[in-house]
Amino acid sequence: MKAKDTRERIVSEAFALFSERGFHAVSVRDIAEAVGIKDASLYNHFPSKKAIFDAIVSEAFERTRHVFGERRILFNVTDDTTPYENMTPERLRELVLPSLRYFFEDSYMVRLRRLLVISQFESEEAGRVYRLLFIDQPMALQRTIFEHLMVTGEFARDDAAQLALEFQSVPFMLMHAGLTWEEAEPRLVAHAERFVQAHTAPGHGIRKKEQA
């Protein structure tokens, strides 16, 4: 347990330092001093500074997987997409907005975004992780949702990848503009509702009423 506690402390202190200064500006000695151990002792837990960075990223993925799983939010492109059917403004608030809110408000993800934004131009790995977490993965998931809605006939046939880019560009812009969730939420609600209205297949609402 003592070794586990030390390992967790190393990750925690390194994360704090990385998010303040950037990955390259922090040395192994800086991390060891923050933890209260010697440099050599740190290497008993991690073989390199990059290994600590990898542990921080891995924790972010696991935290997100857990939160999204609890709320039935899509995390992998292979996950069940049926909860996203019958996309109405109410369903948007239940499924789409919580996933966006998580990236605005979760303290771990906010600090990680800061770390990756600072470090992406100095570290190829930081840039790769940044694009994966905040661009590629969200767009892939959104594309999967739109493709499913096209198959079910709710959305008009279109280029799902392009729609994902158009949809995700607004939350990405607001997030990186430093807006709080309270500031961003009404804009995102309006954006999402207008987006659904613009791409719902013609007559889909009428067919739903007839079936009811």
C-alpha atoms as a PDB file:
ATOM      1  CA  MET A   1       0.000   0.000   0.000  1.00  0.00           C
ATOM      2  CA  LYS A   2       2.851   2.381   0.762  1.00  0.00           C
ATOM      3  CA  ALA A   3       4.319   1.890  -2.734  1.00  0.00           C
ATOM      4  CA  LYS A   4       0.872   2.392  -4.260  1.00  0.00           C
ATOM      5  CA  ASP A   5       0.374   5.597  -2.260  1.00  0.00           C
ATOM      6  CA  THR A   6       3.747   6.921  -3.388  1.00  0.00           C
ATOM      7  CA  ARG A   7       2.982   6.081  -7.011  1.00  0.00           C
ATOM      8  CA  GLU A   8      -0.356   7.908  -6.811  1.00  0.00           C
ATOM      9  CA  ARG A   9       1.336  10.897  -5.161  1.00  0.00           C
ATOM     10  CA  ILE A  10       3.898  11.031  -7.950  1.00  0.00           C
ATOM     11  CA  VAL A  11       1.161  11.089 -10.575  1.00  0.00           C
ATOM     12  CA  SER A  12      -0.800  13.732  -8.675  1.00  0.00           C
ATOM     13  CA  GLU A  13       2.150  16.069  -8.100  1.00  0.00           C
ATOM     14  CA  ALA A  14       3.445  15.612 -11.648  1.00  0.00           C
ATOM     15  CA  PHE A  15       0.008  16.383 -13.046  1.00  0.00           C
ATOM     16  CA  ALA A  16      -0.138  19.616 -11.039  1.00  0.00           C
ATOM     17  CA  LEU A  17       3.312  20.676 -12.215  1.00  0.00           C
ATOM     18  CA  PHE A  18       2.734  19.678 -15.851  1.00  0.00           C
ATOM     19  CA  SER A  19      -0.558  21.573 -16.028  1.00  0.00           C
ATOM     20  CA  GLU A  20       1.094  24.722 -14.643  1.00  0.00           C
ATOM     21  CA  ARG A  21       4.363  24.727 -16.603  1.00  0.00           C
ATOM     22  CA  GLY A  22       4.013  22.231 -19.436  1.00  0.00           C
ATOM     23  CA  PHE A  23       5.564  18.797 -19.810  1.00  0.00           C
ATOM     24  CA  HIS A  24       9.046  19.829 -20.911  1.00  0.00           C
ATOM     25  CA  ALA A  25       9.468  22.579 -18.322  1.00  0.00           C
ATOM     26  CA  VAL A  26       9.165  20.092 -15.453  1.00  0.00           C
ATOM     27  CA  SER A  27      12.066  17.827 -14.528  1.00  0.00           C
ATOM     28  CA  VAL A  28      12.080  14.511 -12.694  1.00  0.00           C
ATOM     29  CA  ARG A  29      13.832  16.341  -9.853  1.00  0.00           C
ATOM     30  CA  ASP A  30      10.956  18.845  -9.678  1.00  0.00           C
ATOM     31  CA  ILE A  31       8.463  16.006  -9.332  1.00  0.00           C
ATOM     32  CA  ALA A  32      10.546  14.188  -6.731  1.00  0.00           C
ATOM     33  CA  GLU A  33      10.887  17.355  -4.652  1.00  0.00           C
ATOM     34  CA  ALA A  34       7.127  17.940  -4.797  1.00  0.00           C
ATOM     35  CA  VAL A  35       6.500  14.382  -3.592  1.00  0.00           C
ATOM     36  CA  GLY A  36       9.230  14.573  -0.956  1.00  0.00           C
ATOM     37  CA  ILE A  37      11.395  11.742  -2.262  1.00  0.00           C
ATOM     38  CA  LYS A  38      14.782  11.433  -3.977  1.00  0.00           C
ATOM     39  CA  ASP A  39      15.142  11.278  -7.749  1.00  0.00           C
ATOM     40  CA  ALA A  40      16.383   7.699  -7.559  1.00  0.00           C
ATOM     41  CA  SER A  41      13.351   6.675  -5.513  1.00  0.00           C
ATOM     42  CA  LEU A  42      10.994   8.044  -8.159  1.00  0.00           C
ATOM     43  CA  TYR A  43      12.526   5.676 -10.714  1.00  0.00           C
ATOM     44  CA  ASN A  44      11.478   2.761  -8.511  1.00  0.00           C
ATOM     45  CA  HIS A  45       7.893   3.607  -9.477  1.00  0.00           C
ATOM     46  CA  PHE A  46       8.231   4.995 -13.022  1.00  0.00           C
ATOM     47  CA  PRO A  47      11.007   4.365 -15.562  1.00  0.00           C
ATOM     48  CA  SER A  48      10.722   7.848 -17.078  1.00  0.00           C
ATOM     49  CA  LYS A  49       8.893  11.162 -17.038  1.00  0.00           C
ATOM     50  CA  LYS A  50       6.937  10.033 -20.095  1.00  0.00           C
ATOM     51  CA  ALA A  51       5.696   7.011 -18.139  1.00  0.00           C
ATOM     52  CA  ILE A  52       4.209   9.402 -15.580  1.00  0.00           C
ATOM     53  CA  PHE A  53       2.570  11.367 -18.391  1.00  0.00           C
ATOM     54  CA  ASP A  54       1.141   8.112 -19.778  1.00  0.00           C
ATOM     55  CA  ALA A  55      -0.310   7.296 -16.351  1.00  0.00           C
ATOM     56  CA  ILE A  56      -2.035  10.692 -16.251  1.00  0.00           C
ATOM     57  CA  VAL A  57      -3.573  10.125 -19.687  1.00  0.00           C
ATOM     58  CA  SER A  58      -4.616   6.569 -18.792  1.00  0.00           C
ATOM     59  CA  GLU A  59      -6.378   7.872 -15.690  1.00  0.00           C
ATOM     60  CA  ALA A  60      -8.236  10.417 -17.828  1.00  0.00           C
ATOM     61  CA  PHE A  61      -9.497   7.691 -20.166  1.00  0.00           C
ATOM     62  CA  GLU A  62     -10.613   5.461 -17.297  1.00  0.00           C
ATOM     63  CA  ARG A  63     -12.387   8.306 -15.517  1.00  0.00           C
ATOM     64  CA  THR A  64     -14.195   9.251 -18.720  1.00  0.00           C
ATOM     65  CA  ARG A  65     -15.103   5.640 -19.482  1.00  0.00           C
ATOM     66  CA  HIS A  66     -16.587   5.256 -15.997  1.00  0.00           C
ATOM     67  CA  VAL A  67     -18.588   8.503 -16.094  1.00  0.00           C
ATOM     68  CA  PHE A  68     -19.895   7.902 -19.611  1.00  0.00           C
ATOM     69  CA  GLY A  69     -20.783   4.293 -18.774  1.00  0.00           C
ATOM     70  CA  GLU A  70     -22.834   5.369 -15.763  1.00  0.00           C
ATOM     71  CA  ARG A  71     -24.765   7.866 -17.892  1.00  0.00           C
ATOM     72  CA  ARG A  72     -25.077   5.598 -20.971  1.00  0.00           C
ATOM     73  CA  ILE A  73     -23.084   8.072 -23.037  1.00  0.00           C
ATOM     74  CA  LEU A  74     -21.220   6.698 -26.049  1.00  0.00           C
ATOM     75  CA  PHE A  75     -17.527   6.178 -25.261  1.00  0.00           C
ATOM     76  CA  ASN A  76     -16.404   3.800 -28.027  1.00  0.00           C
ATOM     77  CA  VAL A  77     -17.646   3.651 -31.614  1.00  0.00           C
ATOM     78  CA  THR A  78     -18.626   0.022 -30.920  1.00  0.00           C
ATOM     79  CA  ASP A  79     -20.926   0.957 -28.007  1.00  0.00           C
ATOM     80  CA  ASP A  80     -24.709   0.680 -28.237  1.00  0.00           C
ATOM     81  CA  THR A  81     -26.133   3.656 -30.164  1.00  0.00           C
ATOM     82  CA  THR A  82     -29.832   2.871 -29.669  1.00  0.00           C
ATOM     83  CA  PRO A  83     -30.173   5.306 -26.716  1.00  0.00           C
ATOM     84  CA  TYR A  84     -29.621   8.092 -29.257  1.00  0.00           C
ATOM     85  CA  GLU A  85     -32.706   7.222 -31.275  1.00  0.00           C
ATOM     86  CA  ASN A  86     -35.808   9.454 -31.205  1.00  0.00           C
ATOM     87  CA  MET A  87     -33.540  12.484 -30.957  1.00  0.00           C
ATOM     88  CA  THR A  88     -35.603  15.308 -29.503  1.00  0.00           C
ATOM     89  CA  PRO A  89     -34.554  18.423 -27.567  1.00  0.00           C
ATOM     90  CA  GLU A  90     -35.230  16.455 -24.381  1.00  0.00           C
ATOM     91  CA  ARG A  91     -33.032  13.577 -25.509  1.00  0.00           C
ATOM     92  CA  LEU A  92     -30.308  16.058 -26.366  1.00  0.00           C
ATOM     93  CA  ARG A  93     -30.311  17.346 -22.819  1.00  0.00           C
ATOM     94  CA  GLU A  94     -30.209  13.792 -21.438  1.00  0.00           C
ATOM     95  CA  LEU A  95     -27.434  12.399 -23.631  1.00  0.00           C
ATOM     96  CA  VAL A  96     -25.461  14.995 -25.588  1.00  0.00           C
ATOM     97  CA  LEU A  97     -25.188  17.851 -23.097  1.00  0.00           C
ATOM     98  CA  PRO A  98     -23.848  15.755 -20.165  1.00  0.00           C
ATOM     99  CA  SER A  99     -20.937  14.555 -22.315  1.00  0.00           C
ATOM    100  CA  LEU A 100     -20.106  18.157 -23.236  1.00  0.00           C
ATOM    101  CA  ARG A 101     -20.535  19.358 -19.670  1.00  0.00           C
ATOM    102  CA  TYR A 102     -18.045  16.755 -18.468  1.00  0.00           C
ATOM    103  CA  PHE A 103     -15.259  18.291 -20.558  1.00  0.00           C
ATOM    104  CA  PHE A 104     -16.142  21.789 -19.365  1.00  0.00           C
ATOM    105  CA  GLU A 105     -16.466  21.055 -15.651  1.00  0.00           C
ATOM    106  CA  ASP A 106     -14.558  17.937 -14.609  1.00  0.00           C
ATOM    107  CA  SER A 107     -11.490  19.257 -12.800  1.00  0.00           C
ATOM    108  CA  TYR A 108      -9.261  16.441 -14.012  1.00  0.00           C
ATOM    109  CA  MET A 109     -10.190  16.981 -17.664  1.00  0.00           C
ATOM    110  CA  VAL A 110      -9.867  20.757 -17.376  1.00  0.00           C
ATOM    111  CA  ARG A 111      -6.345  20.415 -15.979  1.00  0.00           C
ATOM    112  CA  LEU A 112      -5.451  17.828 -18.601  1.00  0.00           C
ATOM    113  CA  ARG A 113      -6.660  20.111 -21.379  1.00  0.00           C
ATOM    114  CA  ARG A 114      -4.497  22.882 -19.981  1.00  0.00           C
ATOM    115  CA  LEU A 115      -1.495  20.553 -19.840  1.00  0.00           C
ATOM    116  CA  LEU A 116      -1.990  19.337 -23.407  1.00  0.00           C
ATOM    117  CA  VAL A 117      -2.603  22.814 -24.826  1.00  0.00           C
ATOM    118  CA  ILE A 118       0.593  24.064 -23.206  1.00  0.00           C
ATOM    119  CA  SER A 119       2.669  21.042 -24.211  1.00  0.00           C
ATOM    120  CA  GLN A 120       1.370  20.157 -27.687  1.00  0.00           C
ATOM    121  CA  PHE A 121       3.941  22.309 -29.498  1.00  0.00           C
ATOM    122  CA  GLU A 122       6.871  20.910 -27.507  1.00  0.00           C
ATOM    123  CA  SER A 123       5.883  17.258 -27.324  1.00  0.00           C
ATOM    124  CA  GLU A 124       4.693  15.144 -30.239  1.00  0.00           C
ATOM    125  CA  GLU A 125       3.055  12.744 -27.789  1.00  0.00           C
ATOM    126  CA  ALA A 126       1.203  15.554 -26.006  1.00  0.00           C
ATOM    127  CA  GLY A 127      -0.063  16.791 -29.368  1.00  0.00           C
ATOM    128  CA  ARG A 128      -1.222  13.306 -30.318  1.00  0.00           C
ATOM    129  CA  VAL A 129      -3.099  12.824 -27.046  1.00  0.00           C
ATOM    130  CA  TYR A 130      -4.618  16.300 -27.296  1.00  0.00           C
ATOM    131  CA  ARG A 131      -5.998  15.613 -30.765  1.00  0.00           C
ATOM    132  CA  LEU A 132      -7.236  12.180 -29.719  1.00  0.00           C
ATOM    133  CA  LEU A 133      -9.080  13.323 -26.595  1.00  0.00           C
ATOM    134  CA  PHE A 134     -10.502  16.628 -27.775  1.00  0.00           C
ATOM    135  CA  ILE A 135     -10.825  16.263 -31.543  1.00  0.00           C
ATOM    136  CA  ASP A 136     -10.536  12.789 -33.065  1.00  0.00           C
ATOM    137  CA  GLN A 137     -12.414  10.760 -30.436  1.00  0.00           C
ATOM    138  CA  PRO A 138     -15.353  13.186 -30.031  1.00  0.00           C
ATOM    139  CA  MET A 139     -15.708  13.477 -33.793  1.00  0.00           C
ATOM    140  CA  ALA A 140     -15.579   9.698 -34.278  1.00  0.00           C
ATOM    141  CA  LEU A 141     -18.280   9.193 -31.658  1.00  0.00           C
ATOM    142  CA  GLN A 142     -20.462  11.944 -33.080  1.00  0.00           C
ATOM    143  CA  ARG A 143     -20.043  10.517 -36.577  1.00  0.00           C
ATOM    144  CA  THR A 144     -21.157   7.110 -35.277  1.00  0.00           C
ATOM    145  CA  ILE A 145     -24.271   8.649 -33.731  1.00  0.00           C
ATOM    146  CA  PHE A 146     -25.160  10.522 -36.926  1.00  0.00           C
ATOM    147  CA  GLU A 147     -24.596   7.424 -39.060  1.00  0.00           C
ATOM    148  CA  HIS A 148     -26.953   5.475 -36.804  1.00  0.00           C
ATOM    149  CA  LEU A 149     -29.623   8.175 -37.015  1.00  0.00           C
ATOM    150  CA  MET A 150     -29.323   8.103 -40.814  1.00  0.00           C
ATOM    151  CA  VAL A 151     -29.796   4.323 -40.837  1.00  0.00           C
ATOM    152  CA  THR A 152     -32.904   4.595 -38.657  1.00  0.00           C
ATOM    153  CA  GLY A 153     -34.262   7.314 -40.948  1.00  0.00           C
ATOM    154  CA  GLU A 154     -34.273  10.054 -38.321  1.00  0.00           C
ATOM    155  CA  PHE A 155     -31.545  12.074 -40.036  1.00  0.00           C
ATOM    156  CA  ALA A 156     -31.420  12.853 -43.737  1.00  0.00           C
ATOM    157  CA  ARG A 157     -28.631  11.066 -45.601  1.00  0.00           C
ATOM    158  CA  ASP A 158     -25.470  13.156 -45.618  1.00  0.00           C
ATOM    159  CA  ASP A 159     -21.727  13.025 -44.978  1.00  0.00           C
ATOM    160  CA  ALA A 160     -21.675  11.946 -41.317  1.00  0.00           C
ATOM    161  CA  ALA A 161     -18.002  12.836 -40.874  1.00  0.00           C
ATOM    162  CA  GLN A 162     -18.603  16.372 -42.119  1.00  0.00           C
ATOM    163  CA  LEU A 163     -21.650  16.729 -39.862  1.00  0.00           C
ATOM    164  CA  ALA A 164     -19.563  15.600 -36.906  1.00  0.00           C
ATOM    165  CA  LEU A 165     -16.976  18.261 -37.712  1.00  0.00           C
ATOM    166  CA  GLU A 166     -19.660  20.946 -37.944  1.00  0.00           C
ATOM    167  CA  PHE A 167     -21.347  19.855 -34.717  1.00  0.00           C
ATOM    168  CA  GLN A 168     -18.183  19.498 -32.621  1.00  0.00           C
ATOM    169  CA  SER A 169     -16.636  22.768 -33.773  1.00  0.00           C
ATOM    170  CA  VAL A 170     -18.930  24.865 -31.583  1.00  0.00           C
ATOM    171  CA  PRO A 171     -18.298  23.129 -28.214  1.00  0.00           C
ATOM    172  CA  PHE A 172     -14.587  22.953 -29.068  1.00  0.00           C
ATOM    173  CA  MET A 173     -14.487  26.690 -29.739  1.00  0.00           C
ATOM    174  CA  LEU A 174     -16.426  27.608 -26.590  1.00  0.00           C
ATOM    175  CA  MET A 175     -14.341  25.290 -24.428  1.00  0.00           C
ATOM    176  CA  HIS A 176     -11.056  26.722 -25.641  1.00  0.00           C
ATOM    177  CA  ALA A 177     -12.361  30.266 -25.323  1.00  0.00           C
ATOM    178  CA  GLY A 178     -12.392  29.646 -21.583  1.00  0.00           C
ATOM    179  CA  LEU A 179     -16.159  29.867 -21.098  1.00  0.00           C
ATOM    180  CA  THR A 180     -17.666  28.323 -17.987  1.00  0.00           C
ATOM    181  CA  TRP A 181     -20.391  25.723 -18.382  1.00  0.00           C
ATOM    182  CA  GLU A 182     -22.993  28.259 -17.253  1.00  0.00           C
ATOM    183  CA  GLU A 183     -21.862  30.595 -20.040  1.00  0.00           C
ATOM    184  CA  ALA A 184     -21.593  27.887 -22.683  1.00  0.00           C
ATOM    185  CA  GLU A 185     -24.717  25.817 -21.914  1.00  0.00           C
ATOM    186  CA  PRO A 186     -27.393  28.081 -23.479  1.00  0.00           C
ATOM    187  CA  ARG A 187     -25.290  28.460 -26.624  1.00  0.00           C
ATOM    188  CA  LEU A 188     -24.752  24.721 -26.848  1.00  0.00           C
ATOM    189  CA  VAL A 189     -28.440  23.982 -26.294  1.00  0.00           C
ATOM    190  CA  ALA A 190     -29.372  26.381 -29.101  1.00  0.00           C
ATOM    191  CA  HIS A 191     -26.657  24.932 -31.347  1.00  0.00           C
ATOM    192  CA  ALA A 192     -27.713  21.325 -30.747  1.00  0.00           C
ATOM    193  CA  GLU A 193     -31.425  21.985 -31.189  1.00  0.00           C
ATOM    194  CA  ARG A 194     -30.892  23.912 -34.429  1.00  0.00           C
ATOM    195  CA  PHE A 195     -28.590  21.170 -35.664  1.00  0.00           C
ATOM    196  CA  VAL A 196     -31.174  18.453 -35.054  1.00  0.00           C
ATOM    197  CA  GLN A 197     -33.886  20.527 -36.711  1.00  0.00           C
ATOM    198  CA  ALA A 198     -31.668  21.168 -39.743  1.00  0.00           C
ATOM    199  CA  HIS A 199     -30.788  17.517 -40.314  1.00  0.00           C
ATOM    200  CA  THR A 200     -33.938  15.641 -39.305  1.00  0.00           C
ATOM    201  CA  ALA A 201     -35.248  13.692 -42.294  1.00  0.00           C
ATOM    202  CA  PRO A 202     -38.243  15.361 -44.024  1.00  0.00           C
ATOM    203  CA  GLY A 203     -41.528  14.017 -42.679  1.00  0.00           C
ATOM    204  CA  HIS A 204     -39.880  12.078 -39.864  1.00  0.00           C
ATOM    205  CA  GLY A 205     -41.817  13.952 -37.202  1.00  0.00           C
ATOM    206  CA  ILE A 206     -45.063  13.387 -39.097  1.00  0.00           C
ATOM    207  CA  ARG A 207     -44.446   9.630 -39.346  1.00  0.00           C
ATOM    208  CA  LYS A 208     -43.786   9.464 -35.609  1.00  0.00           C
ATOM    209  CA  LYS A 209     -47.120  11.190 -34.895  1.00  0.00           C
ATOM    210  CA  GLU A 210     -48.956   8.794 -37.230  1.00  0.00           C
ATOM    211  CA  GLN A 211     -47.388   5.786 -35.525  1.00  0.00           C
ATOM    212  CA  ALA A 212     -48.437   7.164 -32.142  1.00  0.00           C
END
